[in-house]
Amino acid sequence: MACYCAIRSLYIYIYLFLPCSLPHRAKELKARLGSILQKPNWNLHCCKIGKNKPSLEECLRWKESFEKLLSSKYGLCAFTAFLVSEFSEENIAFYFACEDYRNTKSLAKLPAKAQKIYDEFICSDAPREINIDHETRDITKANMLVPSPSCFDLAQHKIYMLMAKDCYPRFLRSPAYRDLVSQAKPSTKKPWQEKKA
């Protein structure tokens, strides 16, 4: 475990602090460290917040739809941890950065927020570059000329669909999710008392 933490710290340092002028080197190191850092049970640690753990019913609800997974506090936590273990956490980070951006009340803050999101996730040498096609990247870049609350909508939709069709099914098949379900205890609340996740 100590070795894993040291390697993970090294990865975080490289990922966050390596100069953007060396994106190919950062991606190479990220790929090499990826196989070492694959920890199928990592998301279990994320979901154990204090003594509260997701109930069996809540864990099983995550299989019903991607929306139900994202709307659950524990589901989002477990899914994010899964993405971290696969080095694709930029997808969920971008998705929620766009949600935050779209909900910005002050129009005066939009240009600075838009530029930050673009620099972090969209531009070709972004430190957390998301996997989108050139057409989507070009449309998003054009939208940056006059940032509006919807300027990232197309890119966000593409990333949402990528997560829903690729990452989400892999999460449900992962040993970490299966372990979480097998260790979860049935809810002690009656069905009518249980809050919908």
N, C-alpha and C. Protein backbone atom coordinates (compact mmCIF):
# COMPACT_ATOMS: atom_id res chain seq x y z
N MET A 1 0.82 -1.20 0.00
CA MET A 1 0.00 0.00 0.00
C MET A 1 0.86 1.25 0.00
N ALA A 2 1.97 1.25 0.77
CA ALA A 2 2.85 2.41 0.81
C ALA A 2 3.48 2.64 -0.55
N CYS A 3 3.84 1.56 -1.23
CA CYS A 3 4.43 1.66 -2.57
C CYS A 3 3.41 2.27 -3.53
N TYR A 4 2.17 1.79 -3.45
CA TYR A 4 1.11 2.32 -4.30
C TYR A 4 0.93 3.81 -4.07
N CYS A 5 0.90 4.24 -2.81
CA CYS A 5 0.72 5.66 -2.49
C CYS A 5 1.88 6.49 -3.02
N ALA A 6 3.09 5.98 -2.93
CA ALA A 6 4.25 6.72 -3.43
C ALA A 6 4.18 6.86 -4.95
N ILE A 7 3.82 5.79 -5.63
CA ILE A 7 3.71 5.85 -7.09
C ILE A 7 2.58 6.78 -7.49
N ARG A 8 1.46 6.70 -6.77
CA ARG A 8 0.33 7.58 -7.08
C ARG A 8 0.72 9.03 -6.87
N SER A 9 1.46 9.34 -5.80
CA SER A 9 1.92 10.70 -5.56
C SER A 9 2.81 11.18 -6.69
N LEU A 10 3.69 10.29 -7.16
CA LEU A 10 4.56 10.63 -8.28
C LEU A 10 3.72 10.93 -9.52
N TYR A 11 2.73 10.09 -9.78
CA TYR A 11 1.85 10.32 -10.92
C TYR A 11 1.16 11.67 -10.81
N ILE A 12 0.61 11.98 -9.65
CA ILE A 12 -0.09 13.26 -9.46
C ILE A 12 0.87 14.42 -9.69
N TYR A 13 2.08 14.31 -9.16
CA TYR A 13 3.08 15.37 -9.36
C TYR A 13 3.36 15.55 -10.85
N ILE A 14 3.61 14.45 -11.56
CA ILE A 14 3.91 14.52 -12.99
C ILE A 14 2.72 15.10 -13.74
N TYR A 15 1.53 14.62 -13.39
CA TYR A 15 0.32 15.03 -14.09
C TYR A 15 0.03 16.51 -13.89
N LEU A 16 0.25 17.01 -12.69
CA LEU A 16 -0.10 18.40 -12.39
C LEU A 16 1.02 19.39 -12.66
N PHE A 17 2.27 18.97 -12.51
CA PHE A 17 3.35 19.95 -12.53
C PHE A 17 4.31 19.83 -13.70
N LEU A 18 4.22 18.80 -14.51
CA LEU A 18 5.10 18.71 -15.66
C LEU A 18 4.75 19.82 -16.63
N PRO A 19 5.71 20.57 -17.14
CA PRO A 19 5.40 21.69 -18.04
C PRO A 19 4.59 21.24 -19.24
N CYS A 20 3.67 22.10 -19.67
CA CYS A 20 2.81 21.77 -20.82
C CYS A 20 3.63 21.61 -22.10
N SER A 21 4.88 22.12 -22.12
CA SER A 21 5.72 21.98 -23.30
C SER A 21 6.14 20.52 -23.51
N LEU A 22 5.89 19.68 -22.53
CA LEU A 22 6.26 18.27 -22.63
C LEU A 22 5.05 17.34 -22.54
N PRO A 23 3.94 17.66 -23.26
CA PRO A 23 2.75 16.82 -23.10
C PRO A 23 2.96 15.38 -23.54
N HIS A 24 3.79 15.15 -24.57
CA HIS A 24 4.03 13.78 -25.02
C HIS A 24 4.74 12.97 -23.94
N ARG A 25 5.66 13.59 -23.23
CA ARG A 25 6.39 12.92 -22.14
C ARG A 25 5.43 12.61 -20.98
N ALA A 26 4.56 13.57 -20.68
CA ALA A 26 3.59 13.37 -19.60
C ALA A 26 2.67 12.21 -19.93
N LYS A 27 2.21 12.15 -21.18
CA LYS A 27 1.30 11.07 -21.58
C LYS A 27 2.02 9.72 -21.56
N GLU A 28 3.29 9.71 -21.95
CA GLU A 28 4.08 8.47 -21.91
C GLU A 28 4.24 7.97 -20.48
N LEU A 29 4.59 8.88 -19.57
CA LEU A 29 4.75 8.49 -18.16
C LEU A 29 3.42 8.04 -17.58
N LYS A 30 2.36 8.74 -17.95
CA LYS A 30 1.03 8.38 -17.48
C LYS A 30 0.68 6.95 -17.91
N ALA A 31 0.99 6.62 -19.15
CA ALA A 31 0.70 5.28 -19.67
C ALA A 31 1.52 4.22 -18.94
N ARG A 32 2.80 4.51 -18.71
CA ARG A 32 3.66 3.54 -18.02
C ARG A 32 3.22 3.31 -16.59
N LEU A 33 2.84 4.39 -15.91
CA LEU A 33 2.42 4.24 -14.51
C LEU A 33 1.04 3.61 -14.41
N GLY A 34 0.27 3.71 -15.48
CA GLY A 34 -1.09 3.19 -15.46
C GLY A 34 -1.20 1.74 -15.08
N SER A 35 -0.34 0.91 -15.65
CA SER A 35 -0.43 -0.52 -15.34
C SER A 35 -0.07 -0.81 -13.89
N ILE A 36 0.82 0.01 -13.33
CA ILE A 36 1.22 -0.19 -11.93
C ILE A 36 0.10 0.23 -10.98
N LEU A 37 -0.62 1.28 -11.38
CA LEU A 37 -1.60 1.85 -10.46
C LEU A 37 -3.00 1.26 -10.58
N GLN A 38 -3.18 0.25 -11.44
CA GLN A 38 -4.50 -0.36 -11.55
C GLN A 38 -4.83 -1.02 -10.22
N LYS A 39 -5.78 -0.47 -9.51
CA LYS A 39 -6.20 -1.00 -8.21
C LYS A 39 -7.70 -1.22 -8.27
N PRO A 40 -8.17 -2.42 -8.56
CA PRO A 40 -9.60 -2.64 -8.71
C PRO A 40 -10.41 -2.30 -7.46
N ASN A 41 -9.82 -2.37 -6.28
CA ASN A 41 -10.58 -2.08 -5.06
C ASN A 41 -10.46 -0.63 -4.61
N TRP A 42 -9.79 0.19 -5.40
CA TRP A 42 -9.55 1.56 -4.98
C TRP A 42 -10.86 2.31 -4.72
N ASN A 43 -11.88 2.08 -5.56
CA ASN A 43 -13.12 2.83 -5.37
C ASN A 43 -13.87 2.40 -4.11
N LEU A 44 -13.55 1.23 -3.58
CA LEU A 44 -14.19 0.82 -2.33
C LEU A 44 -13.78 1.76 -1.20
N HIS A 45 -12.52 2.16 -1.19
CA HIS A 45 -12.04 3.07 -0.15
C HIS A 45 -12.72 4.42 -0.28
N CYS A 46 -12.99 4.82 -1.51
CA CYS A 46 -13.64 6.11 -1.75
C CYS A 46 -15.06 6.10 -1.21
N CYS A 47 -15.73 4.98 -1.32
CA CYS A 47 -17.14 4.91 -0.92
C CYS A 47 -17.35 4.72 0.57
N LYS A 48 -16.32 4.47 1.30
CA LYS A 48 -16.45 4.28 2.74
C LYS A 48 -16.25 5.61 3.44
N ILE A 49 -17.27 6.39 3.47
CA ILE A 49 -17.21 7.71 4.10
C ILE A 49 -17.73 7.55 5.51
N GLY A 50 -16.81 7.55 6.47
CA GLY A 50 -17.20 7.32 7.85
C GLY A 50 -17.78 5.93 7.97
N LYS A 51 -18.85 5.81 8.72
CA LYS A 51 -19.52 4.51 8.88
C LYS A 51 -20.59 4.33 7.81
N ASN A 52 -20.88 5.40 7.08
CA ASN A 52 -21.91 5.32 6.05
C ASN A 52 -21.36 4.68 4.79
N LYS A 53 -22.07 3.69 4.31
CA LYS A 53 -21.72 3.02 3.07
C LYS A 53 -23.01 2.91 2.27
N PRO A 54 -22.89 2.78 0.96
CA PRO A 54 -24.12 2.63 0.17
C PRO A 54 -24.78 1.29 0.49
N SER A 55 -26.09 1.30 0.50
CA SER A 55 -26.83 0.05 0.73
C SER A 55 -26.76 -0.81 -0.53
N LEU A 56 -27.11 -2.06 -0.38
CA LEU A 56 -27.15 -2.97 -1.52
C LEU A 56 -28.12 -2.45 -2.57
N GLU A 57 -29.27 -1.97 -2.11
CA GLU A 57 -30.28 -1.46 -3.04
C GLU A 57 -29.74 -0.29 -3.85
N GLU A 58 -29.01 0.61 -3.16
CA GLU A 58 -28.45 1.77 -3.87
C GLU A 58 -27.42 1.31 -4.90
N CYS A 59 -26.55 0.39 -4.51
CA CYS A 59 -25.54 -0.12 -5.45
C CYS A 59 -26.20 -0.76 -6.68
N LEU A 60 -27.27 -1.50 -6.46
CA LEU A 60 -27.96 -2.16 -7.57
C LEU A 60 -28.70 -1.15 -8.45
N ARG A 61 -29.17 -0.04 -7.86
CA ARG A 61 -29.84 1.01 -8.64
C ARG A 61 -28.89 1.63 -9.67
N TRP A 62 -27.61 1.64 -9.37
CA TRP A 62 -26.64 2.22 -10.31
C TRP A 62 -26.63 1.49 -11.64
N LYS A 63 -27.04 0.21 -11.63
CA LYS A 63 -27.09 -0.57 -12.87
C LYS A 63 -28.27 -0.17 -13.76
N GLU A 64 -29.26 0.51 -13.18
CA GLU A 64 -30.46 0.85 -13.94
C GLU A 64 -30.17 1.88 -15.03
N SER A 65 -29.34 2.86 -14.73
CA SER A 65 -29.00 3.88 -15.73
C SER A 65 -27.79 4.68 -15.28
N PHE A 66 -27.12 5.26 -16.25
CA PHE A 66 -25.97 6.11 -15.97
C PHE A 66 -26.40 7.33 -15.15
N GLU A 67 -27.59 7.85 -15.44
CA GLU A 67 -28.11 9.01 -14.70
C GLU A 67 -28.27 8.68 -13.21
N LYS A 68 -28.76 7.48 -12.92
CA LYS A 68 -28.94 7.09 -11.51
C LYS A 68 -27.59 6.96 -10.81
N LEU A 69 -26.59 6.49 -11.53
CA LEU A 69 -25.25 6.40 -10.95
C LEU A 69 -24.74 7.80 -10.61
N LEU A 70 -24.85 8.73 -11.56
CA LEU A 70 -24.33 10.09 -11.33
C LEU A 70 -25.12 10.86 -10.28
N SER A 71 -26.38 10.53 -10.11
CA SER A 71 -27.20 11.27 -9.14
C SER A 71 -27.01 10.75 -7.71
N SER A 72 -26.32 9.64 -7.56
CA SER A 72 -26.04 9.08 -6.24
C SER A 72 -24.69 9.59 -5.74
N LYS A 73 -24.66 10.08 -4.51
CA LYS A 73 -23.40 10.57 -3.93
C LYS A 73 -22.34 9.47 -3.95
N TYR A 74 -22.69 8.29 -3.48
CA TYR A 74 -21.75 7.17 -3.45
C TYR A 74 -21.45 6.66 -4.86
N GLY A 75 -22.47 6.64 -5.70
CA GLY A 75 -22.27 6.19 -7.07
C GLY A 75 -21.28 7.07 -7.81
N LEU A 76 -21.46 8.38 -7.67
CA LEU A 76 -20.54 9.32 -8.31
C LEU A 76 -19.13 9.14 -7.77
N CYS A 77 -19.02 8.95 -6.47
CA CYS A 77 -17.72 8.74 -5.83
C CYS A 77 -17.05 7.48 -6.37
N ALA A 78 -17.79 6.38 -6.42
CA ALA A 78 -17.23 5.11 -6.90
C ALA A 78 -16.85 5.20 -8.37
N PHE A 79 -17.71 5.84 -9.17
CA PHE A 79 -17.43 5.96 -10.60
C PHE A 79 -16.21 6.84 -10.85
N THR A 80 -16.11 7.94 -10.10
CA THR A 80 -14.95 8.82 -10.23
C THR A 80 -13.68 8.08 -9.85
N ALA A 81 -13.73 7.32 -8.78
CA ALA A 81 -12.55 6.54 -8.36
C ALA A 81 -12.18 5.52 -9.43
N PHE A 82 -13.19 4.92 -10.06
CA PHE A 82 -12.93 3.98 -11.15
C PHE A 82 -12.23 4.69 -12.30
N LEU A 83 -12.71 5.89 -12.65
CA LEU A 83 -12.08 6.65 -13.73
C LEU A 83 -10.64 7.02 -13.38
N VAL A 84 -10.41 7.37 -12.11
CA VAL A 84 -9.05 7.67 -11.66
C VAL A 84 -8.17 6.44 -11.85
N SER A 85 -8.68 5.28 -11.49
CA SER A 85 -7.88 4.05 -11.61
C SER A 85 -7.56 3.73 -13.07
N GLU A 86 -8.37 4.23 -13.98
CA GLU A 86 -8.16 4.00 -15.41
C GLU A 86 -7.52 5.20 -16.10
N PHE A 87 -7.16 6.20 -15.34
CA PHE A 87 -6.56 7.42 -15.87
C PHE A 87 -7.45 8.11 -16.90
N SER A 88 -8.73 8.15 -16.64
CA SER A 88 -9.65 8.89 -17.50
C SER A 88 -10.55 9.79 -16.67
N GLU A 89 -10.04 10.23 -15.52
CA GLU A 89 -10.82 11.10 -14.64
C GLU A 89 -11.09 12.46 -15.25
N GLU A 90 -10.33 12.82 -16.30
CA GLU A 90 -10.57 14.11 -16.96
C GLU A 90 -11.98 14.17 -17.53
N ASN A 91 -12.56 13.03 -17.87
CA ASN A 91 -13.92 13.02 -18.43
C ASN A 91 -14.95 13.53 -17.43
N ILE A 92 -14.94 12.98 -16.24
CA ILE A 92 -15.92 13.40 -15.23
C ILE A 92 -15.61 14.81 -14.75
N ALA A 93 -14.32 15.15 -14.67
CA ALA A 93 -13.93 16.50 -14.25
C ALA A 93 -14.42 17.53 -15.27
N PHE A 94 -14.26 17.22 -16.55
CA PHE A 94 -14.73 18.12 -17.60
C PHE A 94 -16.25 18.24 -17.56
N TYR A 95 -16.93 17.12 -17.42
CA TYR A 95 -18.40 17.14 -17.39
C TYR A 95 -18.91 18.08 -16.29
N PHE A 96 -18.36 17.96 -15.09
CA PHE A 96 -18.84 18.79 -13.99
C PHE A 96 -18.32 20.23 -14.07
N ALA A 97 -17.17 20.44 -14.70
CA ALA A 97 -16.70 21.81 -14.94
C ALA A 97 -17.68 22.52 -15.88
N CYS A 98 -18.19 21.79 -16.87
CA CYS A 98 -19.18 22.36 -17.79
C CYS A 98 -20.51 22.64 -17.08
N GLU A 99 -20.91 21.74 -16.20
CA GLU A 99 -22.13 21.97 -15.42
C GLU A 99 -22.00 23.24 -14.58
N ASP A 100 -20.87 23.38 -13.92
CA ASP A 100 -20.61 24.57 -13.11
C ASP A 100 -20.59 25.81 -13.98
N TYR A 101 -19.94 25.72 -15.13
CA TYR A 101 -19.86 26.85 -16.06
C TYR A 101 -21.25 27.27 -16.53
N ARG A 102 -22.06 26.30 -16.94
CA ARG A 102 -23.41 26.61 -17.44
C ARG A 102 -24.27 27.27 -16.37
N ASN A 103 -24.03 26.95 -15.11
CA ASN A 103 -24.82 27.51 -14.02
C ASN A 103 -24.25 28.81 -13.45
N THR A 104 -23.23 29.36 -14.10
CA THR A 104 -22.65 30.62 -13.66
C THR A 104 -23.67 31.74 -13.84
N LYS A 105 -23.96 32.44 -12.76
CA LYS A 105 -24.97 33.51 -12.80
C LYS A 105 -24.44 34.77 -13.47
N SER A 106 -23.20 35.12 -13.17
CA SER A 106 -22.62 36.36 -13.69
C SER A 106 -22.04 36.15 -15.09
N LEU A 107 -22.62 36.82 -16.08
CA LEU A 107 -22.11 36.71 -17.45
C LEU A 107 -20.70 37.26 -17.57
N ALA A 108 -20.34 38.18 -16.69
CA ALA A 108 -19.00 38.76 -16.71
C ALA A 108 -17.93 37.72 -16.36
N LYS A 109 -18.31 36.68 -15.63
CA LYS A 109 -17.34 35.64 -15.24
C LYS A 109 -17.16 34.56 -16.32
N LEU A 110 -18.06 34.53 -17.31
CA LEU A 110 -18.02 33.47 -18.31
C LEU A 110 -16.71 33.42 -19.10
N PRO A 111 -16.21 34.55 -19.63
CA PRO A 111 -14.98 34.45 -20.44
C PRO A 111 -13.80 33.82 -19.69
N ALA A 112 -13.56 34.23 -18.47
CA ALA A 112 -12.43 33.68 -17.70
C ALA A 112 -12.64 32.20 -17.40
N LYS A 113 -13.87 31.83 -17.01
CA LYS A 113 -14.16 30.42 -16.72
C LYS A 113 -14.04 29.57 -17.99
N ALA A 114 -14.55 30.11 -19.10
CA ALA A 114 -14.48 29.39 -20.37
C ALA A 114 -13.04 29.15 -20.77
N GLN A 115 -12.21 30.17 -20.63
CA GLN A 115 -10.80 30.03 -21.00
C GLN A 115 -10.10 28.99 -20.13
N LYS A 116 -10.43 28.99 -18.85
CA LYS A 116 -9.83 28.01 -17.94
C LYS A 116 -10.20 26.59 -18.34
N ILE A 117 -11.47 26.36 -18.65
CA ILE A 117 -11.93 25.03 -19.08
C ILE A 117 -11.26 24.64 -20.39
N TYR A 118 -11.21 25.59 -21.32
CA TYR A 118 -10.59 25.32 -22.62
C TYR A 118 -9.12 24.95 -22.45
N ASP A 119 -8.40 25.73 -21.66
CA ASP A 119 -6.97 25.48 -21.45
C ASP A 119 -6.71 24.17 -20.72
N GLU A 120 -7.59 23.80 -19.82
CA GLU A 120 -7.38 22.59 -19.02
C GLU A 120 -7.80 21.31 -19.75
N PHE A 121 -8.85 21.40 -20.60
CA PHE A 121 -9.41 20.18 -21.16
C PHE A 121 -9.46 20.10 -22.69
N ILE A 122 -9.55 21.22 -23.39
CA ILE A 122 -9.86 21.19 -24.82
C ILE A 122 -8.65 21.37 -25.73
N CYS A 123 -7.81 22.36 -25.43
CA CYS A 123 -6.70 22.66 -26.35
C CYS A 123 -5.79 21.44 -26.50
N SER A 124 -5.09 21.39 -27.63
CA SER A 124 -4.34 20.17 -27.98
C SER A 124 -3.21 19.83 -27.01
N ASP A 125 -2.71 20.81 -26.26
CA ASP A 125 -1.67 20.50 -25.27
C ASP A 125 -2.18 20.66 -23.84
N ALA A 126 -3.49 20.49 -23.68
CA ALA A 126 -4.11 20.62 -22.35
C ALA A 126 -3.58 19.55 -21.40
N PRO A 127 -3.35 19.90 -20.15
CA PRO A 127 -2.85 18.91 -19.19
C PRO A 127 -3.83 17.78 -18.92
N ARG A 128 -5.12 18.04 -19.10
CA ARG A 128 -6.14 17.01 -18.88
C ARG A 128 -7.00 16.88 -20.14
N GLU A 129 -6.33 16.76 -21.27
CA GLU A 129 -7.00 16.77 -22.56
C GLU A 129 -8.03 15.64 -22.66
N ILE A 130 -9.26 16.03 -23.04
CA ILE A 130 -10.32 15.04 -23.23
C ILE A 130 -10.27 14.50 -24.65
N ASN A 131 -10.86 13.35 -24.86
CA ASN A 131 -10.84 12.68 -26.15
C ASN A 131 -12.08 13.07 -26.95
N ILE A 132 -11.92 14.13 -27.77
CA ILE A 132 -13.01 14.55 -28.65
C ILE A 132 -12.46 14.65 -30.07
N ASP A 133 -13.35 14.57 -31.04
CA ASP A 133 -12.94 14.64 -32.44
C ASP A 133 -12.56 16.08 -32.81
N HIS A 134 -11.87 16.22 -33.94
CA HIS A 134 -11.39 17.54 -34.38
C HIS A 134 -12.53 18.50 -34.65
N GLU A 135 -13.62 18.00 -35.22
CA GLU A 135 -14.76 18.87 -35.53
C GLU A 135 -15.33 19.48 -34.24
N THR A 136 -15.51 18.66 -33.23
CA THR A 136 -16.03 19.15 -31.94
C THR A 136 -15.05 20.14 -31.32
N ARG A 137 -13.77 19.84 -31.41
CA ARG A 137 -12.74 20.74 -30.88
C ARG A 137 -12.79 22.09 -31.59
N ASP A 138 -12.93 22.06 -32.94
CA ASP A 138 -12.98 23.30 -33.72
C ASP A 138 -14.23 24.11 -33.41
N ILE A 139 -15.36 23.44 -33.28
CA ILE A 139 -16.61 24.14 -32.94
C ILE A 139 -16.50 24.78 -31.57
N THR A 140 -15.94 24.06 -30.63
CA THR A 140 -15.77 24.60 -29.27
C THR A 140 -14.82 25.79 -29.29
N LYS A 141 -13.75 25.69 -30.07
CA LYS A 141 -12.80 26.80 -30.18
C LYS A 141 -13.49 28.03 -30.77
N ALA A 142 -14.33 27.83 -31.78
CA ALA A 142 -15.08 28.94 -32.38
C ALA A 142 -16.05 29.55 -31.36
N ASN A 143 -16.66 28.71 -30.55
CA ASN A 143 -17.58 29.20 -29.51
C ASN A 143 -16.88 30.07 -28.49
N MET A 144 -15.58 29.87 -28.34
CA MET A 144 -14.80 30.63 -27.36
C MET A 144 -14.67 32.11 -27.73
N LEU A 145 -14.92 32.45 -29.00
CA LEU A 145 -14.82 33.85 -29.43
C LEU A 145 -15.82 34.73 -28.68
N VAL A 146 -17.00 34.20 -28.46
CA VAL A 146 -18.03 34.89 -27.67
C VAL A 146 -18.61 33.86 -26.71
N PRO A 147 -17.97 33.67 -25.55
CA PRO A 147 -18.42 32.63 -24.62
C PRO A 147 -19.86 32.85 -24.14
N SER A 148 -20.64 31.81 -24.29
CA SER A 148 -22.02 31.82 -23.80
C SER A 148 -22.17 30.62 -22.86
N PRO A 149 -23.26 30.56 -22.10
CA PRO A 149 -23.43 29.41 -21.20
C PRO A 149 -23.45 28.06 -21.93
N SER A 150 -23.70 28.08 -23.24
CA SER A 150 -23.79 26.82 -23.99
C SER A 150 -22.56 26.52 -24.85
N CYS A 151 -21.48 27.26 -24.68
CA CYS A 151 -20.34 27.08 -25.61
C CYS A 151 -19.66 25.72 -25.50
N PHE A 152 -19.83 25.00 -24.41
CA PHE A 152 -19.21 23.68 -24.27
C PHE A 152 -20.23 22.55 -24.42
N ASP A 153 -21.46 22.87 -24.78
CA ASP A 153 -22.52 21.86 -24.82
C ASP A 153 -22.18 20.66 -25.70
N LEU A 154 -21.67 20.91 -26.91
CA LEU A 154 -21.38 19.81 -27.82
C LEU A 154 -20.28 18.91 -27.25
N ALA A 155 -19.19 19.51 -26.78
CA ALA A 155 -18.09 18.72 -26.21
C ALA A 155 -18.56 17.97 -24.97
N GLN A 156 -19.36 18.63 -24.14
CA GLN A 156 -19.86 17.98 -22.93
C GLN A 156 -20.74 16.78 -23.29
N HIS A 157 -21.59 16.96 -24.30
CA HIS A 157 -22.46 15.86 -24.73
C HIS A 157 -21.62 14.67 -25.23
N LYS A 158 -20.58 14.95 -26.00
CA LYS A 158 -19.72 13.88 -26.52
C LYS A 158 -19.05 13.11 -25.37
N ILE A 159 -18.58 13.84 -24.37
CA ILE A 159 -17.92 13.19 -23.23
C ILE A 159 -18.94 12.42 -22.39
N TYR A 160 -20.13 12.98 -22.23
CA TYR A 160 -21.19 12.27 -21.51
C TYR A 160 -21.49 10.93 -22.20
N MET A 161 -21.64 10.99 -23.53
CA MET A 161 -21.94 9.77 -24.28
C MET A 161 -20.78 8.77 -24.21
N LEU A 162 -19.56 9.26 -24.24
CA LEU A 162 -18.39 8.39 -24.09
C LEU A 162 -18.44 7.67 -22.74
N MET A 163 -18.72 8.42 -21.69
CA MET A 163 -18.79 7.80 -20.36
C MET A 163 -19.96 6.82 -20.28
N ALA A 164 -21.12 7.22 -20.82
CA ALA A 164 -22.31 6.37 -20.73
C ALA A 164 -22.16 5.07 -21.52
N LYS A 165 -21.53 5.15 -22.69
CA LYS A 165 -21.45 3.98 -23.56
C LYS A 165 -20.17 3.15 -23.37
N ASP A 166 -19.13 3.75 -22.80
CA ASP A 166 -17.87 3.04 -22.66
C ASP A 166 -17.47 2.85 -21.19
N CYS A 167 -17.28 3.94 -20.48
CA CYS A 167 -16.79 3.87 -19.09
C CYS A 167 -17.80 3.24 -18.14
N TYR A 168 -19.07 3.62 -18.28
CA TYR A 168 -20.12 3.11 -17.38
C TYR A 168 -20.26 1.59 -17.47
N PRO A 169 -20.37 1.00 -18.68
CA PRO A 169 -20.45 -0.47 -18.73
C PRO A 169 -19.20 -1.15 -18.16
N ARG A 170 -18.02 -0.57 -18.40
CA ARG A 170 -16.80 -1.16 -17.84
C ARG A 170 -16.80 -1.05 -16.32
N PHE A 171 -17.32 0.06 -15.80
CA PHE A 171 -17.43 0.21 -14.34
C PHE A 171 -18.32 -0.89 -13.77
N LEU A 172 -19.47 -1.15 -14.41
CA LEU A 172 -20.39 -2.17 -13.92
C LEU A 172 -19.80 -3.58 -13.99
N ARG A 173 -18.88 -3.80 -14.91
CA ARG A 173 -18.22 -5.11 -15.03
C ARG A 173 -16.97 -5.22 -14.18
N SER A 174 -16.54 -4.12 -13.58
CA SER A 174 -15.27 -4.10 -12.86
C SER A 174 -15.33 -4.91 -11.56
N PRO A 175 -14.20 -5.49 -11.18
CA PRO A 175 -14.14 -6.20 -9.89
C PRO A 175 -14.47 -5.27 -8.72
N ALA A 176 -14.12 -4.01 -8.84
CA ALA A 176 -14.38 -3.07 -7.75
C ALA A 176 -15.89 -2.90 -7.52
N TYR A 177 -16.66 -2.77 -8.61
CA TYR A 177 -18.11 -2.64 -8.46
C TYR A 177 -18.70 -3.95 -7.91
N ARG A 178 -18.26 -5.07 -8.45
CA ARG A 178 -18.77 -6.36 -7.97
C ARG A 178 -18.45 -6.56 -6.49
N ASP A 179 -17.24 -6.15 -6.08
CA ASP A 179 -16.87 -6.25 -4.66
C ASP A 179 -17.74 -5.35 -3.80
N LEU A 180 -18.00 -4.15 -4.31
CA LEU A 180 -18.83 -3.21 -3.56
C LEU A 180 -20.23 -3.78 -3.35
N VAL A 181 -20.80 -4.36 -4.40
CA VAL A 181 -22.13 -4.98 -4.30
C VAL A 181 -22.10 -6.16 -3.33
N SER A 182 -21.07 -6.99 -3.43
CA SER A 182 -21.02 -8.17 -2.57
C SER A 182 -20.82 -7.81 -1.09
N GLN A 183 -20.19 -6.67 -0.82
CA GLN A 183 -19.95 -6.26 0.56
C GLN A 183 -21.06 -5.36 1.12
N ALA A 184 -21.92 -4.86 0.23
CA ALA A 184 -22.99 -3.96 0.68
C ALA A 184 -24.05 -4.75 1.45
N LYS A 185 -24.64 -4.09 2.41
CA LYS A 185 -25.68 -4.72 3.22
C LYS A 185 -27.04 -4.17 2.78
N PRO A 186 -28.07 -5.02 2.82
CA PRO A 186 -29.40 -4.54 2.48
C PRO A 186 -29.82 -3.39 3.41
N SER A 187 -30.61 -2.52 2.88
CA SER A 187 -31.10 -1.38 3.66
C SER A 187 -32.03 -1.88 4.75
N THR A 188 -31.96 -1.22 5.91
CA THR A 188 -32.86 -1.58 7.01
C THR A 188 -34.15 -0.77 6.93
N LYS A 189 -34.18 0.20 6.02
CA LYS A 189 -35.39 1.02 5.86
C LYS A 189 -36.39 0.28 4.98
N LYS A 190 -37.64 0.59 5.20
CA LYS A 190 -38.70 0.05 4.35
C LYS A 190 -38.64 0.78 3.02
N PRO A 191 -39.09 0.15 1.94
CA PRO A 191 -39.01 0.78 0.62
C PRO A 191 -39.63 2.18 0.57
N TRP A 192 -40.73 2.41 1.28
CA TRP A 192 -41.37 3.73 1.25
C TRP A 192 -40.60 4.76 2.08
N GLN A 193 -39.71 4.31 2.96
CA GLN A 193 -38.92 5.23 3.77
C GLN A 193 -37.62 5.63 3.07
N GLU A 194 -37.18 4.80 2.14
CA GLU A 194 -35.88 5.03 1.50
C GLU A 194 -35.96 6.18 0.53
N LYS A 195 -35.00 7.07 0.65
CA LYS A 195 -34.92 8.22 -0.24
C LYS A 195 -34.40 7.75 -1.59
N LYS A 196 -34.99 8.24 -2.66
CA LYS A 196 -34.54 7.87 -4.00
C LYS A 196 -33.17 8.47 -4.24
N ALA A 197 -32.24 7.65 -4.74
CA ALA A 197 -30.87 8.13 -5.01
C ALA A 197 -30.79 8.76 -6.37
